[in-house]
Amino acid sequence: MRSFIIPTLMAVLTATVAVAAPPTPPVEIVKPNIPVDKYTPGRDLVTALDRIVTPNGVQECFIATLGGARQYVSVRGSDRRNPILLYIHGGPASVELPLSWSFQRPWEDYFTVVEWDQRAAGKSFELNDPKKIAPTLTPDRYRDDAIELIELLRARYGKDKIFVLGHSWGSTVGLSVAIKRPDLLYAYIGMGQAIDFRQNETASYRLVLEQAERAGNAEAVKELKALAPYPGPGALDYNKTGVERKWSVHFGGLAAGRDESDFYLHLGRLSPEYGEADRKAWDASSAFTMGILWSKLINVSFEDMHRLQVPIILFLGRHDTTTPPEIASDWLARLKAPEKKIVWFDNSAHLPMIEEPGKTLQALITRVRPLAGEEERANDR
């Protein structure tokens, strides 16, 4: 989740290994066209390594129309009998698809993993007229896009239910889906779960300022205190958030023990599905979407939501100051749900899938996949 983390930062997957049943509703199958550039040799290696070759595997990209907007979707898995896991990226507009090659391949032995560039994000940005799509950028529209996509996936791959994993901003979309359409889900997984935006920004600012003061970083203290009051009354200020996130990243609130984010954000240079033009669209979509949507999020809150009709599992990093985990853990303690769990990542901040990839995989296999019942045994048949 690039923009929600820090707004100032801005193939193989093309091949269908096994032919799917005719889609309902129809989708447009596409093949990413990645021009040759200086990253091509490395990208070719990643592409070859990540290719799905199992007889019952699935590896395809398509464009679906969701809520009247054309949106890019990637589907990968070693066995199409496995349950579907829809990854809802953060941001807004911080797509995970160009980065997912670095951590997702092991997941694909146990799930059919769907990466989706949300409306006005990443590859979806240039599929629609920005002027027409700008008025549609609301939290409810993202939720309903996700629901439409889930219905499409169910029809296309013959599934009754799926798993949804929402990361950061995507956790607000995913949790909203779980509230509105619990019948579609085996369970909801929240990673870096956001519960209340105003509370989140207040806690994040306090924690980062405390870190700056403990470190004796005069520059950080000066810049952070100049934001006060933060987030302040009214709408969220995109520019103020950019300053706060800069120092949150510096003090390890994005990735524990690291003072920068390039190691993560630059993974897209080797992505089998993202070329230079796609990365530029990613940056443009981030600035565009954050400029419209960020100010609208201050009143988004799940604090008054006390019951959920599906199992919920939270993946929380101990060192996260982007979405401070105590807010979500306190909320979960008050929530009533068929099943609820927290998996703590003691060596992570906001990116457990990157910081502790083995533990993330283990949690998905042991805590999540069994909730699909018979489907979780697909690999054993």
Foldseek 3Di string as FASTA:
>chain_A
DPCLLFVVDFALLADFLDDWDQFVVHWAWDGFDFDDDPLVVLLVVLNVVLHANANQWGRTKTWDQFPNATWIKTKTANHLLAFAEEEQEAFVQQFCQLQCSQFCSVVRDHHTYMGIRFCLHQPRVVRDDLVVCLVVLDLVSRLRSVVVVLVRCCRGSVHQAHEYEAAHNRLLSQVVNQAPCVRRHLEYEYALHAAAQQVLFQQLLVVLLVLCVVVVPVVLNVLSVVPPPVVDDAFGDSVNSNSSSLSCLQCQQAWRPHRDCCVRVVSSPSGNRDYPVSSVSNRVSSNSSCVRYRRVRNGRHCQVPAETEHEYEYEAECRHSSGHCVVVVVSQVRHHYPHYYYDYDDRTHRCCCNRPVPVVSVCCLPPNRCSVPPSSCVSVD
